[in-house]
Amino acid sequence: MITAGQFAPAKSIPKVVESLDPVFRQIRDLVYKASGIFQLDGKLYLLPDACGRRMKLLGVRSPREYWHLLTGPGHAAELRQLLNEITIGETCLFRSQPQIEALRKVR
């Protein structure tokens, strides 16, 4: 069974999704409910890595223990940290000179 912090090669994604700890689906659904961000089953293998980074930092040993942290008293701060971990914090849109020039020509 895949637990937090383990990486699976892309060619084995279907097997990885089947062997994920079911708690990660609960965490995925919690993330969706809180933020509208939904990870399809084909990308669900990314969630244990993100959770694993947070779990390691917090000294949490199991996905179930992390779930309790995300849903227990004072959970909002950790949920925010997890959301920061799974979202892309940077974009290069409109920072590339060729993109800027192309937009100028559209006018």
PDB file of N, CA and C in Angstrom:
ATOM      1  N   MET A   1       0.845  -1.177   0.000  1.00  0.00           N
ATOM      2  CA  MET A   1       0.000   0.000   0.000  1.00  0.00           C
ATOM      3  C   MET A   1       0.887   1.236   0.000  1.00  0.00           C
ATOM      4  N   ILE A   2       0.542   2.214  -0.840  1.00  0.00           N
ATOM      5  CA  ILE A   2       1.290   3.460  -0.914  1.00  0.00           C
ATOM      6  C   ILE A   2       0.899   4.325   0.277  1.00  0.00           C
ATOM      7  N   THR A   3       1.877   4.870   0.936  1.00  0.00           N
ATOM      8  CA  THR A   3       1.628   5.806   2.021  1.00  0.00           C
ATOM      9  C   THR A   3       2.253   7.132   1.649  1.00  0.00           C
ATOM     10  N   ALA A   4       2.087   8.121   2.473  1.00  0.00           N
ATOM     11  CA  ALA A   4       2.594   9.460   2.181  1.00  0.00           C
ATOM     12  C   ALA A   4       4.092   9.439   1.962  1.00  0.00           C
ATOM     13  N   GLY A   5       4.528  10.224   0.983  1.00  0.00           N
ATOM     14  CA  GLY A   5       5.945  10.384   0.736  1.00  0.00           C
ATOM     15  C   GLY A   5       6.535   9.404  -0.258  1.00  0.00           C
ATOM     16  N   GLN A   6       5.751   8.447  -0.745  1.00  0.00           N
ATOM     17  CA  GLN A   6       6.268   7.504  -1.722  1.00  0.00           C
ATOM     18  C   GLN A   6       5.909   7.983  -3.115  1.00  0.00           C
ATOM     19  N   PHE A   7       6.805   7.739  -4.058  1.00  0.00           N
ATOM     20  CA  PHE A   7       6.574   8.155  -5.435  1.00  0.00           C
ATOM     21  C   PHE A   7       6.338   6.926  -6.291  1.00  0.00           C
ATOM     22  N   ALA A   8       5.391   7.025  -7.180  1.00  0.00           N
ATOM     23  CA  ALA A   8       5.102   5.919  -8.095  1.00  0.00           C
ATOM     24  C   ALA A   8       5.362   6.384  -9.514  1.00  0.00           C
ATOM     25  N   PRO A   9       6.016   5.587 -10.330  1.00  0.00           N
ATOM     26  CA  PRO A   9       6.246   5.966 -11.720  1.00  0.00           C
ATOM     27  C   PRO A   9       4.932   6.123 -12.469  1.00  0.00           C
ATOM     28  N   ALA A  10       4.928   7.026 -13.433  1.00  0.00           N
ATOM     29  CA  ALA A  10       3.706   7.343 -14.177  1.00  0.00           C
ATOM     30  C   ALA A  10       3.083   6.117 -14.827  1.00  0.00           C
ATOM     31  N   LYS A  11       3.882   5.159 -15.286  1.00  0.00           N
ATOM     32  CA  LYS A  11       3.308   4.017 -15.983  1.00  0.00           C
ATOM     33  C   LYS A  11       2.500   3.104 -15.062  1.00  0.00           C
ATOM     34  N   SER A  12       2.624   3.258 -13.761  1.00  0.00           N
ATOM     35  CA  SER A  12       1.880   2.396 -12.849  1.00  0.00           C
ATOM     36  C   SER A  12       0.760   3.133 -12.126  1.00  0.00           C
ATOM     37  N   ILE A  13       0.330   4.243 -12.664  1.00  0.00           N
ATOM     38  CA  ILE A  13      -0.694   5.052 -12.004  1.00  0.00           C
ATOM     39  C   ILE A  13      -1.947   4.253 -11.642  1.00  0.00           C
ATOM     40  N   PRO A  14      -2.542   3.478 -12.544  1.00  0.00           N
ATOM     41  CA  PRO A  14      -3.757   2.766 -12.154  1.00  0.00           C
ATOM     42  C   PRO A  14      -3.551   1.861 -10.941  1.00  0.00           C
ATOM     43  N   LYS A  15      -2.451   1.135 -10.897  1.00  0.00           N
ATOM     44  CA  LYS A  15      -2.181   0.258  -9.763  1.00  0.00           C
ATOM     45  C   LYS A  15      -1.972   1.082  -8.492  1.00  0.00           C
ATOM     46  N   VAL A  16      -1.303   2.220  -8.627  1.00  0.00           N
ATOM     47  CA  VAL A  16      -1.047   3.093  -7.482  1.00  0.00           C
ATOM     48  C   VAL A  16      -2.354   3.597  -6.897  1.00  0.00           C
ATOM     49  N   VAL A  17      -3.262   4.049  -7.766  1.00  0.00           N
ATOM     50  CA  VAL A  17      -4.542   4.570  -7.295  1.00  0.00           C
ATOM     51  C   VAL A  17      -5.303   3.489  -6.534  1.00  0.00           C
ATOM     52  N   GLU A  18      -5.265   2.266  -7.038  1.00  0.00           N
ATOM     53  CA  GLU A  18      -5.961   1.177  -6.362  1.00  0.00           C
ATOM     54  C   GLU A  18      -5.353   0.882  -5.002  1.00  0.00           C
ATOM     55  N   SER A  19      -4.048   1.082  -4.847  1.00  0.00           N
ATOM     56  CA  SER A  19      -3.393   0.704  -3.600  1.00  0.00           C
ATOM     57  C   SER A  19      -3.213   1.873  -2.634  1.00  0.00           C
ATOM     58  N   LEU A  20      -3.731   3.035  -2.959  1.00  0.00           N
ATOM     59  CA  LEU A  20      -3.633   4.172  -2.052  1.00  0.00           C
ATOM     60  C   LEU A  20      -4.411   3.911  -0.765  1.00  0.00           C
ATOM     61  N   ASP A  21      -3.882   4.419   0.325  1.00  0.00           N
ATOM     62  CA  ASP A  21      -4.631   4.380   1.579  1.00  0.00           C
ATOM     63  C   ASP A  21      -5.939   5.140   1.339  1.00  0.00           C
ATOM     64  N   PRO A  22      -7.081   4.575   1.675  1.00  0.00           N
ATOM     65  CA  PRO A  22      -8.372   5.240   1.421  1.00  0.00           C
ATOM     66  C   PRO A  22      -8.502   6.604   2.084  1.00  0.00           C
ATOM     67  N   VAL A  23      -7.702   6.869   3.076  1.00  0.00           N
ATOM     68  CA  VAL A  23      -7.749   8.169   3.748  1.00  0.00           C
ATOM     69  C   VAL A  23      -7.401   9.289   2.771  1.00  0.00           C
ATOM     70  N   PHE A  24      -6.555   9.004   1.777  1.00  0.00           N
ATOM     71  CA  PHE A  24      -6.195  10.045   0.822  1.00  0.00           C
ATOM     72  C   PHE A  24      -7.390  10.473  -0.020  1.00  0.00           C
ATOM     73  N   ARG A  25      -8.330   9.578  -0.275  1.00  0.00           N
ATOM     74  CA  ARG A  25      -9.559   9.981  -0.973  1.00  0.00           C
ATOM     75  C   ARG A  25     -10.390  10.902  -0.074  1.00  0.00           C
ATOM     76  N   GLN A  26     -10.410  10.621   1.214  1.00  0.00           N
ATOM     77  CA  GLN A  26     -11.118  11.496   2.149  1.00  0.00           C
ATOM     78  C   GLN A  26     -10.457  12.882   2.172  1.00  0.00           C
ATOM     79  N   ILE A  27      -9.134  12.901   2.172  1.00  0.00           N
ATOM     80  CA  ILE A  27      -8.412  14.176   2.162  1.00  0.00           C
ATOM     81  C   ILE A  27      -8.684  14.910   0.855  1.00  0.00           C
ATOM     82  N   ARG A  28      -8.689  14.171  -0.270  1.00  0.00           N
ATOM     83  CA  ARG A  28      -9.011  14.791  -1.558  1.00  0.00           C
ATOM     84  C   ARG A  28     -10.391  15.439  -1.512  1.00  0.00           C
ATOM     85  N   ASP A  29     -11.361  14.739  -0.948  1.00  0.00           N
ATOM     86  CA  ASP A  29     -12.720  15.273  -0.866  1.00  0.00           C
ATOM     87  C   ASP A  29     -12.797  16.479   0.065  1.00  0.00           C
ATOM     88  N   LEU A  30     -12.026  16.460   1.143  1.00  0.00           N
ATOM     89  CA  LEU A  30     -11.963  17.607   2.047  1.00  0.00           C
ATOM     90  C   LEU A  30     -11.373  18.821   1.335  1.00  0.00           C
ATOM     91  N   VAL A  31     -10.305  18.609   0.577  1.00  0.00           N
ATOM     92  CA  VAL A  31      -9.683  19.690  -0.193  1.00  0.00           C
ATOM     93  C   VAL A  31     -10.686  20.261  -1.190  1.00  0.00           C
ATOM     94  N   TYR A  32     -11.434  19.389  -1.830  1.00  0.00           N
ATOM     95  CA  TYR A  32     -12.448  19.842  -2.787  1.00  0.00           C
ATOM     96  C   TYR A  32     -13.525  20.672  -2.096  1.00  0.00           C
ATOM     97  N   LYS A  33     -13.993  20.185  -0.973  1.00  0.00           N
ATOM     98  CA  LYS A  33     -15.043  20.898  -0.235  1.00  0.00           C
ATOM     99  C   LYS A  33     -14.554  22.265   0.234  1.00  0.00           C
ATOM    100  N   ALA A  34     -13.301  22.345   0.649  1.00  0.00           N
ATOM    101  CA  ALA A  34     -12.758  23.595   1.182  1.00  0.00           C
ATOM    102  C   ALA A  34     -12.344  24.579   0.093  1.00  0.00           C
ATOM    103  N   SER A  35     -11.915  24.061  -1.071  1.00  0.00           N
ATOM    104  CA  SER A  35     -11.301  24.957  -2.045  1.00  0.00           C
ATOM    105  C   SER A  35     -11.850  24.861  -3.461  1.00  0.00           C
ATOM    106  N   GLY A  36     -12.562  23.786  -3.766  1.00  0.00           N
ATOM    107  CA  GLY A  36     -13.017  23.576  -5.137  1.00  0.00           C
ATOM    108  C   GLY A  36     -11.972  22.893  -6.008  1.00  0.00           C
ATOM    109  N   ILE A  37     -10.813  22.585  -5.436  1.00  0.00           N
ATOM    110  CA  ILE A  37      -9.763  21.886  -6.170  1.00  0.00           C
ATOM    111  C   ILE A  37     -10.041  20.394  -6.080  1.00  0.00           C
ATOM    112  N   PHE A  38     -10.166  19.746  -7.237  1.00  0.00           N
ATOM    113  CA  PHE A  38     -10.459  18.319  -7.261  1.00  0.00           C
ATOM    114  C   PHE A  38      -9.385  17.592  -8.043  1.00  0.00           C
ATOM    115  N   GLN A  39      -8.867  16.526  -7.487  1.00  0.00           N
ATOM    116  CA  GLN A  39      -7.885  15.709  -8.182  1.00  0.00           C
ATOM    117  C   GLN A  39      -8.571  14.447  -8.681  1.00  0.00           C
ATOM    118  N   LEU A  40      -8.567  14.270  -9.984  1.00  0.00           N
ATOM    119  CA  LEU A  40      -9.120  13.055 -10.564  1.00  0.00           C
ATOM    120  C   LEU A  40      -8.301  11.863 -10.110  1.00  0.00           C
ATOM    121  N   ASP A  41      -8.874  10.678 -10.205  1.00  0.00           N
ATOM    122  CA  ASP A  41      -8.161   9.475  -9.785  1.00  0.00           C
ATOM    123  C   ASP A  41      -6.810   9.330 -10.486  1.00  0.00           C
ATOM    124  N   GLY A  42      -6.730   9.748 -11.740  1.00  0.00           N
ATOM    125  CA  GLY A  42      -5.483   9.650 -12.483  1.00  0.00           C
ATOM    126  C   GLY A  42      -4.365  10.514 -11.927  1.00  0.00           C
ATOM    127  N   LYS A  43      -4.711  11.531 -11.159  1.00  0.00           N
ATOM    128  CA  LYS A  43      -3.718  12.425 -10.542  1.00  0.00           C
ATOM    129  C   LYS A  43      -3.665  12.267  -9.025  1.00  0.00           C
ATOM    130  N   LEU A  44      -4.456  11.365  -8.506  1.00  0.00           N
ATOM    131  CA  LEU A  44      -4.537  11.199  -7.052  1.00  0.00           C
ATOM    132  C   LEU A  44      -3.212  10.760  -6.437  1.00  0.00           C
ATOM    133  N   TYR A  45      -2.358  10.148  -7.243  1.00  0.00           N
ATOM    134  CA  TYR A  45      -1.061   9.708  -6.726  1.00  0.00           C
ATOM    135  C   TYR A  45      -0.198  10.885  -6.256  1.00  0.00           C
ATOM    136  N   LEU A  46      -0.528  12.115  -6.678  1.00  0.00           N
ATOM    137  CA  LEU A  46       0.233  13.292  -6.253  1.00  0.00           C
ATOM    138  C   LEU A  46      -0.088  13.699  -4.812  1.00  0.00           C
ATOM    139  N   LEU A  47      -1.276  13.391  -4.357  1.00  0.00           N
ATOM    140  CA  LEU A  47      -1.703  13.823  -3.028  1.00  0.00           C
ATOM    141  C   LEU A  47      -0.880  13.232  -1.888  1.00  0.00           C
ATOM    142  N   PRO A  48      -0.546  11.947  -1.914  1.00  0.00           N
ATOM    143  CA  PRO A  48       0.284  11.422  -0.822  1.00  0.00           C
ATOM    144  C   PRO A  48       1.644  12.112  -0.697  1.00  0.00           C
ATOM    145  N   ASP A  49       2.200  12.560  -1.813  1.00  0.00           N
ATOM    146  CA  ASP A  49       3.473  13.275  -1.739  1.00  0.00           C
ATOM    147  C   ASP A  49       3.302  14.616  -1.029  1.00  0.00           C
ATOM    148  N   ALA A  50       2.252  15.343  -1.388  1.00  0.00           N
ATOM    149  CA  ALA A  50       1.999  16.637  -0.752  1.00  0.00           C
ATOM    150  C   ALA A  50       1.695  16.449   0.731  1.00  0.00           C
ATOM    151  N   CYS A  51       0.840  15.484   1.034  1.00  0.00           N
ATOM    152  CA  CYS A  51       0.524  15.202   2.439  1.00  0.00           C
ATOM    153  C   CYS A  51       1.772  14.729   3.177  1.00  0.00           C
ATOM    154  N   GLY A  52       2.575  13.929   2.498  1.00  0.00           N
ATOM    155  CA  GLY A  52       3.785  13.394   3.113  1.00  0.00           C
ATOM    156  C   GLY A  52       4.761  14.481   3.530  1.00  0.00           C
ATOM    157  N   ARG A  53       4.877  15.524   2.712  1.00  0.00           N
ATOM    158  CA  ARG A  53       5.757  16.637   3.080  1.00  0.00           C
ATOM    159  C   ARG A  53       5.254  17.320   4.340  1.00  0.00           C
ATOM    160  N   ARG A  54       3.941  17.520   4.416  1.00  0.00           N
ATOM    161  CA  ARG A  54       3.352  18.154   5.610  1.00  0.00           C
ATOM    162  C   ARG A  54       3.485  17.221   6.820  1.00  0.00           C
ATOM    163  N   MET A  55       3.213  15.940   6.614  1.00  0.00           N
ATOM    164  CA  MET A  55       3.282  14.973   7.712  1.00  0.00           C
ATOM    165  C   MET A  55       4.695  14.900   8.282  1.00  0.00           C
ATOM    166  N   LYS A  56       5.675  14.890   7.416  1.00  0.00           N
ATOM    167  CA  LYS A  56       7.065  14.824   7.871  1.00  0.00           C
ATOM    168  C   LYS A  56       7.414  16.057   8.698  1.00  0.00           C
ATOM    169  N   LEU A  57       7.006  17.211   8.209  1.00  0.00           N
ATOM    170  CA  LEU A  57       7.270  18.462   8.916  1.00  0.00           C
ATOM    171  C   LEU A  57       6.618  18.484  10.299  1.00  0.00           C
ATOM    172  N   LEU A  58       5.428  17.897  10.381  1.00  0.00           N
ATOM    173  CA  LEU A  58       4.669  17.900  11.637  1.00  0.00           C
ATOM    174  C   LEU A  58       4.968  16.701  12.534  1.00  0.00           C
ATOM    175  N   GLY A  59       5.695  15.725  12.002  1.00  0.00           N
ATOM    176  CA  GLY A  59       5.971  14.521  12.784  1.00  0.00           C
ATOM    177  C   GLY A  59       4.780  13.582  12.880  1.00  0.00           C
ATOM    178  N   VAL A  60       3.893  13.661  11.894  1.00  0.00           N
ATOM    179  CA  VAL A  60       2.706  12.809  11.855  1.00  0.00           C
ATOM    180  C   VAL A  60       3.098  11.496  11.175  1.00  0.00           C
ATOM    181  N   ARG A  61       2.676  10.387  11.746  1.00  0.00           N
ATOM    182  CA  ARG A  61       3.147   9.081  11.278  1.00  0.00           C
ATOM    183  C   ARG A  61       2.253   8.366  10.289  1.00  0.00           C
ATOM    184  N   SER A  62       0.976   8.700  10.251  1.00  0.00           N
ATOM    185  CA  SER A  62       0.079   7.957   9.367  1.00  0.00           C
ATOM    186  C   SER A  62      -0.914   8.903   8.688  1.00  0.00           C
ATOM    187  N   PRO A  63      -1.422   8.488   7.511  1.00  0.00           N
ATOM    188  CA  PRO A  63      -2.457   9.288   6.850  1.00  0.00           C
ATOM    189  C   PRO A  63      -3.692   9.483   7.747  1.00  0.00           C
ATOM    190  N   ARG A  64      -4.058   8.471   8.509  1.00  0.00           N
ATOM    191  CA  ARG A  64      -5.217   8.590   9.405  1.00  0.00           C
ATOM    192  C   ARG A  64      -4.974   9.664  10.464  1.00  0.00           C
ATOM    193  N   GLU A  65      -3.770   9.681  11.027  1.00  0.00           N
ATOM    194  CA  GLU A  65      -3.428  10.702  12.023  1.00  0.00           C
ATOM    195  C   GLU A  65      -3.469  12.090  11.383  1.00  0.00           C
ATOM    196  N   TYR A  66      -2.985  12.197  10.143  1.00  0.00           N
ATOM    197  CA  TYR A  66      -3.021  13.483   9.446  1.00  0.00           C
ATOM    198  C   TYR A  66      -4.463  13.904   9.170  1.00  0.00           C
ATOM    199  N   TRP A  67      -5.317  12.955   8.809  1.00  0.00           N
ATOM    200  CA  TRP A  67      -6.745  13.244   8.597  1.00  0.00           C
ATOM    201  C   TRP A  67      -7.352  13.857   9.853  1.00  0.00           C
ATOM    202  N   HIS A  68      -7.041  13.275  11.006  1.00  0.00           N
ATOM    203  CA  HIS A  68      -7.573  13.805  12.271  1.00  0.00           C
ATOM    204  C   HIS A  68      -7.069  15.221  12.527  1.00  0.00           C
ATOM    205  N   LEU A  69      -5.847  15.494  12.125  1.00  0.00           N
ATOM    206  CA  LEU A  69      -5.293  16.835  12.281  1.00  0.00           C
ATOM    207  C   LEU A  69      -6.022  17.819  11.364  1.00  0.00           C
ATOM    208  N   LEU A  70      -6.361  17.360  10.148  1.00  0.00           N
ATOM    209  CA  LEU A  70      -7.054  18.218   9.184  1.00  0.00           C
ATOM    210  C   LEU A  70      -8.515  18.467   9.532  1.00  0.00           C
ATOM    211  N   THR A  71      -9.090  17.604  10.338  1.00  0.00           N
ATOM    212  CA  THR A  71     -10.521  17.720  10.639  1.00  0.00           C
ATOM    213  C   THR A  71     -10.803  18.022  12.103  1.00  0.00           C
ATOM    214  N   GLY A  72      -9.790  18.035  12.926  1.00  0.00           N
ATOM    215  CA  GLY A  72      -9.970  18.262  14.353  1.00  0.00           C
ATOM    216  C   GLY A  72      -9.986  19.739  14.713  1.00  0.00           C
ATOM    217  N   PRO A  73      -9.991  20.013  16.005  1.00  0.00           N
ATOM    218  CA  PRO A  73      -9.975  21.400  16.476  1.00  0.00           C
ATOM    219  C   PRO A  73      -8.760  22.154  15.935  1.00  0.00           C
ATOM    220  N   GLY A  74      -8.994  23.371  15.497  1.00  0.00           N
ATOM    221  CA  GLY A  74      -7.909  24.191  14.977  1.00  0.00           C
ATOM    222  C   GLY A  74      -7.388  23.731  13.624  1.00  0.00           C
ATOM    223  N   HIS A  75      -8.221  23.020  12.878  1.00  0.00           N
ATOM    224  CA  HIS A  75      -7.792  22.425  11.615  1.00  0.00           C
ATOM    225  C   HIS A  75      -7.560  23.421  10.485  1.00  0.00           C
ATOM    226  N   ALA A  76      -8.129  24.600  10.567  1.00  0.00           N
ATOM    227  CA  ALA A  76      -8.074  25.550   9.445  1.00  0.00           C
ATOM    228  C   ALA A  76      -6.648  25.913   9.057  1.00  0.00           C
ATOM    229  N   ALA A  77      -5.777  26.086  10.016  1.00  0.00           N
ATOM    230  CA  ALA A  77      -4.400  26.477   9.706  1.00  0.00           C
ATOM    231  C   ALA A  77      -3.680  25.373   8.933  1.00  0.00           C
ATOM    232  N   GLU A  78      -3.856  24.131   9.348  1.00  0.00           N
ATOM    233  CA  GLU A  78      -3.179  23.033   8.640  1.00  0.00           C
ATOM    234  C   GLU A  78      -3.794  22.802   7.269  1.00  0.00           C
ATOM    235  N   LEU A  79      -5.104  22.942   7.161  1.00  0.00           N
ATOM    236  CA  LEU A  79      -5.736  22.795   5.854  1.00  0.00           C
ATOM    237  C   LEU A  79      -5.190  23.858   4.903  1.00  0.00           C
ATOM    238  N   ARG A  80      -5.018  25.062   5.378  1.00  0.00           N
ATOM    239  CA  ARG A  80      -4.439  26.133   4.567  1.00  0.00           C
ATOM    240  C   ARG A  80      -3.015  25.769   4.121  1.00  0.00           C
ATOM    241  N   GLN A  81      -2.233  25.191   5.033  1.00  0.00           N
ATOM    242  CA  GLN A  81      -0.870  24.772   4.686  1.00  0.00           C
ATOM    243  C   GLN A  81      -0.883  23.674   3.615  1.00  0.00           C
ATOM    244  N   LEU A  82      -1.808  22.731   3.747  1.00  0.00           N
ATOM    245  CA  LEU A  82      -1.917  21.671   2.735  1.00  0.00           C
ATOM    246  C   LEU A  82      -2.312  22.258   1.386  1.00  0.00           C
ATOM    247  N   LEU A  83      -3.258  23.185   1.383  1.00  0.00           N
ATOM    248  CA  LEU A  83      -3.669  23.826   0.135  1.00  0.00           C
ATOM    249  C   LEU A  83      -2.491  24.552  -0.509  1.00  0.00           C
ATOM    250  N   ASN A  84      -1.681  25.199   0.301  1.00  0.00           N
ATOM    251  CA  ASN A  84      -0.481  25.855  -0.226  1.00  0.00           C
ATOM    252  C   ASN A  84       0.473  24.824  -0.845  1.00  0.00           C
ATOM    253  N   GLU A  85       0.514  23.656  -0.253  1.00  0.00           N
ATOM    254  CA  GLU A  85       1.402  22.594  -0.731  1.00  0.00           C
ATOM    255  C   GLU A  85       0.941  22.009  -2.062  1.00  0.00           C
ATOM    256  N   ILE A  86      -0.367  21.921  -2.275  1.00  0.00           N
ATOM    257  CA  ILE A  86      -0.859  21.256  -3.481  1.00  0.00           C
ATOM    258  C   ILE A  86      -1.172  22.211  -4.627  1.00  0.00           C
ATOM    259  N   THR A  87      -1.186  23.500  -4.365  1.00  0.00           N
ATOM    260  CA  THR A  87      -1.480  24.442  -5.440  1.00  0.00           C
ATOM    261  C   THR A  87      -0.190  24.965  -6.059  1.00  0.00           C
ATOM    262  N   ILE A  88      -0.311  25.453  -7.251  1.00  0.00           N
ATOM    263  CA  ILE A  88       0.836  26.035  -7.947  1.00  0.00           C
ATOM    264  C   ILE A  88       0.893  27.500  -7.554  1.00  0.00           C
ATOM    265  N   GLY A  89       1.977  27.877  -6.931  1.00  0.00           N
ATOM    266  CA  GLY A  89       2.093  29.234  -6.409  1.00  0.00           C
ATOM    267  C   GLY A  89       2.713  30.221  -7.368  1.00  0.00           C
ATOM    268  N   GLU A  90       3.063  29.788  -8.540  1.00  0.00           N
ATOM    269  CA  GLU A  90       3.723  30.688  -9.471  1.00  0.00           C
ATOM    270  C   GLU A  90       3.258  30.376 -10.882  1.00  0.00           C
ATOM    271  N   THR A  91       3.138  31.411 -11.661  1.00  0.00           N
ATOM    272  CA  THR A  91       2.803  31.240 -13.066  1.00  0.00           C
ATOM    273  C   THR A  91       3.697  32.149 -13.893  1.00  0.00           C
ATOM    274  N   CYS A  92       3.984  31.746 -15.088  1.00  0.00           N
ATOM    275  CA  CYS A  92       4.829  32.549 -15.970  1.00  0.00           C
ATOM    276  C   CYS A  92       3.988  33.291 -17.004  1.00  0.00           C
ATOM    277  N   LEU A  93       2.676  33.230 -16.866  1.00  0.00           N
ATOM    278  CA  LEU A  93       1.794  33.908 -17.797  1.00  0.00           C
ATOM    279  C   LEU A  93       2.110  35.400 -17.807  1.00  0.00           C
ATOM    280  N   PHE A  94       2.266  35.946 -18.967  1.00  0.00           N
ATOM    281  CA  PHE A  94       2.548  37.357 -19.192  1.00  0.00           C
ATOM    282  C   PHE A  94       3.928  37.788 -18.686  1.00  0.00           C
ATOM    283  N   ARG A  95       4.802  36.859 -18.404  1.00  0.00           N
ATOM    284  CA  ARG A  95       6.152  37.223 -18.004  1.00  0.00           C
ATOM    285  C   ARG A  95       7.140  36.961 -19.126  1.00  0.00           C
ATOM    286  N   SER A  96       6.678  36.321 -20.129  1.00  0.00           N
ATOM    287  CA  SER A  96       7.525  35.984 -21.256  1.00  0.00           C
ATOM    288  C   SER A  96       7.402  37.086 -22.306  1.00  0.00           C
ATOM    289  N   GLN A  97       8.519  37.637 -22.733  1.00  0.00           N
ATOM    290  CA  GLN A  97       8.507  38.731 -23.705  1.00  0.00           C
ATOM    291  C   GLN A  97       7.762  38.351 -24.990  1.00  0.00           C
ATOM    292  N   PRO A  98       7.940  37.143 -25.537  1.00  0.00           N
ATOM    293  CA  PRO A  98       7.156  36.797 -26.734  1.00  0.00           C
ATOM    294  C   PRO A  98       5.642  36.815 -26.475  1.00  0.00           C
ATOM    295  N   GLN A  99       5.201  36.444 -25.292  1.00  0.00           N
ATOM    296  CA  GLN A  99       3.772  36.512 -24.974  1.00  0.00           C
ATOM    297  C   GLN A  99       3.293  37.965 -24.962  1.00  0.00           C
ATOM    298  N   ILE A 100       4.069  38.817 -24.365  1.00  0.00           N
ATOM    299  CA  ILE A 100       3.700  40.239 -24.290  1.00  0.00           C
ATOM    300  C   ILE A 100       3.610  40.822 -25.696  1.00  0.00           C
ATOM    301  N   GLU A 101       4.587  40.516 -26.521  1.00  0.00           N
ATOM    302  CA  GLU A 101       4.581  41.020 -27.899  1.00  0.00           C
ATOM    303  C   GLU A 101       3.377  40.484 -28.673  1.00  0.00           C
ATOM    304  N   ALA A 102       3.034  39.229 -28.491  1.00  0.00           N
ATOM    305  CA  ALA A 102       1.880  38.654 -29.181  1.00  0.00           C
ATOM    306  C   ALA A 102       0.594  39.354 -28.762  1.00  0.00           C
ATOM    307  N   LEU A 103       0.473  39.673 -27.491  1.00  0.00           N
ATOM    308  CA  LEU A 103      -0.722  40.390 -27.021  1.00  0.00           C
ATOM    309  C   LEU A 103      -0.783  41.797 -27.579  1.00  0.00           C
ATOM    310  N   ARG A 104       0.343  42.444 -27.724  1.00  0.00           N
ATOM    311  CA  ARG A 104       0.366  43.790 -28.307  1.00  0.00           C
ATOM    312  C   ARG A 104      -0.147  43.779 -29.744  1.00  0.00           C
ATOM    313  N   LYS A 105       0.184  42.713 -30.458  1.00  0.00           N
ATOM    314  CA  LYS A 105      -0.225  42.622 -31.865  1.00  0.00           C
ATOM    315  C   LYS A 105      -1.717  42.350 -32.016  1.00  0.00           C
ATOM    316  N   VAL A 106      -2.353  41.801 -30.995  1.00  0.00           N
ATOM    317  CA  VAL A 106      -3.776  41.467 -31.036  1.00  0.00           C
ATOM    318  C   VAL A 106      -4.635  42.730 -31.050  1.00  0.00           C
ATOM    319  N   ARG A 107      -4.192  43.779 -30.398  1.00  0.00           N
ATOM    320  CA  ARG A 107      -4.978  45.015 -30.329  1.00  0.00           C
ATOM    321  C   ARG A 107      -5.342  45.428 -31.668  1.00  0.00           C
TER     322      ARG A 107
END
